[in-house]
Structures are given as C-alpha cells and as structure tokens.
C-alpha cells in the first residue's frame, strides 16, 4: 500500500476516534444505562436480529451458554428483554426486546444521530454533497465485506 494511502487511512481513523471522543463527552444512554458491556451486546444483537436464541447469543458474545443464561436472566429482571417459546420449535426459547429494551436502543441510536446531525448542520451544502457520496461508498464497501 502506498505511503499516501496509509497516511490518508491513518488521518481518517484519527478523525473517527476524535469524533468518538467528542460524542462520548456528552451524556448518552449508552454510558448511563448501568448495564455491563455484555448486557449491552445482548440487547444490540437482539435489536439487530429481532430475536435470538441462547446459542445465537453465545456465538455472538463468544461465551458459554451458561454465561448467556445469567446475562439474559439479569436483563429479564431489569425489564429489557423477555423469553418466548420459538413458534417453530417449542424446545427453543427466543430472547426478544421488551418495550423498555427497544426504547433504550432507540435512545442510544438517537443520541449518536443528534450529535452527528449537529455537526452536519454546520457544514455547507457542497461539503454535505461530498460527504453523501463518500459515506454512500463506504456503506457499499462495508456491505460487500460484511453483508447487509
């Protein structure tokens, strides 16, 4: 890879980190929820997929099924998720977000978007057009590499 490409990638990565630090300085439900990282991961996996089995969650978290059981038990106790019988296989229990869990995910997503929106409100139209082209291309490549 050329020195110019490496330098550009490094500068873009540093900019992304700087934005992350700037966003983290503001109170976000991500940081004020009092949930562990694993609990947040479970909520995110369930939110993305609509529901998940214990096996799905164990695979996504890289932990044993017994560990997932404890994490889900605590999330159920907090009212963020619920367990339901799988309609296609009664032996399988699926984890789904409750209204409270869905609201938390919405608040987390909205907080980040609000910060990003504030920044974009200060950009001129030409810069926004360029940003639109670039972010669209980044999304295309991400989908090619990681799927939708």
Protein backbone atom coordinates (compact mmCIF):
# COMPACT_ATOMS: atom_id res chain seq x y z
CA UNK A 1 0.00 0.00 0.00
CA UNK A 2 1.36 3.44 -0.88
CA UNK A 3 2.55 5.90 1.74
CA UNK A 4 -0.15 8.36 0.69
CA UNK A 5 -2.93 5.77 1.17
CA UNK A 6 -1.52 4.76 4.56
CA UNK A 7 -1.33 8.41 5.63
CA UNK A 8 -4.91 9.08 4.49
CA UNK A 9 -6.23 5.99 6.27
CA UNK A 10 -4.37 6.99 9.45
CA UNK A 11 -5.75 10.56 9.33
CA UNK A 12 -9.32 9.36 8.70
CA UNK A 13 -9.03 6.86 11.55
CA UNK A 14 -7.74 9.58 13.88
CA UNK A 15 -10.64 11.80 12.87
CA UNK A 16 -13.11 9.00 13.64
CA UNK A 17 -11.51 8.49 17.05
CA UNK A 18 -11.69 12.22 17.72
CA UNK A 19 -15.38 12.26 16.84
CA UNK A 20 -15.97 9.28 19.12
CA UNK A 21 -14.23 11.09 21.98
CA UNK A 22 -16.26 14.26 21.34
CA UNK A 23 -19.52 12.30 21.33
CA UNK A 24 -18.53 10.37 24.47
CA UNK A 25 -18.20 13.62 26.44
CA UNK A 26 -21.97 14.07 26.22
CA UNK A 27 -24.28 12.02 28.40
CA UNK A 28 -25.53 9.12 26.33
CA UNK A 29 -27.85 6.30 27.37
CA UNK A 30 -25.03 4.02 26.25
CA UNK A 31 -22.97 5.20 29.23
CA UNK A 32 -25.72 5.96 31.74
CA UNK A 33 -27.70 2.72 31.43
CA UNK A 34 -25.77 0.91 34.23
CA UNK A 35 -25.59 -2.19 32.03
CA UNK A 36 -22.44 -4.24 31.50
CA UNK A 37 -20.82 -4.41 28.08
CA UNK A 38 -22.08 -7.98 27.63
CA UNK A 39 -25.62 -6.95 28.55
CA UNK A 40 -25.46 -4.11 26.02
CA UNK A 41 -24.15 -6.55 23.40
CA UNK A 42 -27.10 -8.88 24.03
CA UNK A 43 -29.54 -6.00 23.66
CA UNK A 44 -27.83 -4.90 20.43
CA UNK A 45 -27.75 -8.41 18.92
CA UNK A 46 -31.43 -8.93 19.75
CA UNK A 47 -32.32 -5.47 18.37
CA UNK A 48 -30.49 -6.12 15.10
CA UNK A 49 -31.94 -9.61 14.60
CA UNK A 50 -35.40 -9.12 16.08
CA UNK A 51 -34.85 -12.07 18.42
CA UNK A 52 -32.13 -14.56 19.25
CA UNK A 53 -31.69 -17.97 20.82
CA UNK A 54 -29.28 -18.60 23.65
CA UNK A 55 -26.99 -20.36 21.15
CA UNK A 56 -27.08 -17.30 18.86
CA UNK A 57 -26.13 -15.05 21.75
CA UNK A 58 -23.38 -17.38 23.00
CA UNK A 59 -21.88 -17.42 19.50
CA UNK A 60 -22.10 -13.62 19.12
CA UNK A 61 -20.61 -12.95 22.55
CA UNK A 62 -18.02 -15.73 22.39
CA UNK A 63 -19.11 -17.19 25.73
CA UNK A 64 -20.67 -20.40 27.03
CA UNK A 65 -24.42 -20.91 27.01
CA UNK A 66 -24.44 -20.90 30.83
CA UNK A 67 -22.93 -17.42 30.83
CA UNK A 68 -25.61 -16.21 28.41
CA UNK A 69 -28.31 -17.59 30.70
CA UNK A 70 -27.08 -15.41 33.56
CA UNK A 71 -26.80 -12.31 31.38
CA UNK A 72 -30.30 -12.80 29.97
CA UNK A 73 -31.71 -13.50 33.46
CA UNK A 74 -30.44 -10.10 34.62
CA UNK A 75 -31.81 -8.36 31.52
CA UNK A 76 -35.19 -10.01 32.08
CA UNK A 77 -35.11 -8.84 35.71
CA UNK A 78 -34.37 -5.27 34.53
CA UNK A 79 -37.23 -5.49 32.03
CA UNK A 80 -35.10 -5.05 28.88
CA UNK A 81 -35.75 -8.46 27.31
CA UNK A 82 -38.20 -11.32 27.58
CA UNK A 83 -38.03 -15.02 26.72
CA UNK A 84 -40.57 -16.71 24.49
CA UNK A 85 -41.04 -20.15 23.05
CA UNK A 86 -39.92 -20.39 19.41
CA UNK A 87 -43.07 -20.83 17.30
CA UNK A 88 -41.24 -23.31 15.02
CA UNK A 89 -39.54 -25.37 17.74
CA UNK A 90 -41.05 -25.46 21.22
CA UNK A 91 -37.77 -26.73 22.67
CA UNK A 92 -36.08 -23.43 21.80
CA UNK A 93 -36.51 -20.23 23.80
CA UNK A 94 -36.04 -16.95 21.97
CA UNK A 95 -34.97 -13.68 23.57
CA UNK A 96 -36.76 -10.54 22.40
CA UNK A 97 -36.59 -6.90 23.40
CA UNK A 98 -39.36 -5.57 25.58
CA UNK A 99 -40.74 -2.09 25.02
CA UNK A 100 -38.19 -0.85 27.59
CA UNK A 101 -35.32 -2.54 25.74
CA UNK A 102 -36.46 -1.17 22.39
CA UNK A 103 -36.74 2.30 23.92
CA UNK A 104 -33.17 2.06 25.27
CA UNK A 105 -31.85 1.08 21.81
CA UNK A 106 -33.76 3.94 20.23
CA UNK A 107 -32.33 6.40 22.77
CA UNK A 108 -28.78 5.13 22.18
CA UNK A 109 -29.16 5.42 18.40
CA UNK A 110 -30.88 8.81 18.58
CA UNK A 111 -28.21 10.27 20.86
CA UNK A 112 -25.47 9.48 18.34
CA UNK A 113 -27.54 10.75 15.44
CA UNK A 114 -28.32 14.01 17.24
CA UNK A 115 -24.61 14.72 17.73
CA UNK A 116 -23.85 13.85 14.13
CA UNK A 117 -26.76 16.00 12.94
CA UNK A 118 -25.47 18.99 14.91
CA UNK A 119 -22.13 18.71 13.13
CA UNK A 120 -23.76 18.37 9.70
CA UNK A 121 -25.94 21.43 10.37
CA UNK A 122 -22.70 23.46 10.41
CA UNK A 123 -21.40 22.14 7.07
CA UNK A 124 -22.01 23.92 3.78
CA UNK A 125 -24.06 22.25 1.06
CA UNK A 126 -21.06 21.35 -1.13
CA UNK A 127 -19.39 19.60 1.79
CA UNK A 128 -22.63 17.74 2.54
CA UNK A 129 -22.81 16.58 -1.08
CA UNK A 130 -19.24 15.24 -0.86
CA UNK A 131 -20.00 13.59 2.48
CA UNK A 132 -23.07 11.94 0.97
CA UNK A 133 -21.01 10.46 -1.86
CA UNK A 134 -18.24 9.27 0.45
CA UNK A 135 -20.49 7.76 3.14
CA UNK A 136 -22.58 6.02 0.49
CA UNK A 137 -19.45 4.44 -0.95
CA UNK A 138 -18.17 3.44 2.50
CA UNK A 139 -21.53 1.77 3.17
CA UNK A 140 -21.37 -0.11 -0.17
CA UNK A 141 -17.92 -1.46 0.62
CA UNK A 142 -19.00 -2.42 4.15
CA UNK A 143 -21.97 -4.32 2.74
CA UNK A 144 -19.71 -6.09 0.24
CA UNK A 145 -17.30 -7.09 3.02
CA UNK A 146 -19.71 -7.85 5.85
CA UNK A 147 -23.16 -8.21 4.30
CA UNK A 148 -26.21 -6.11 5.00
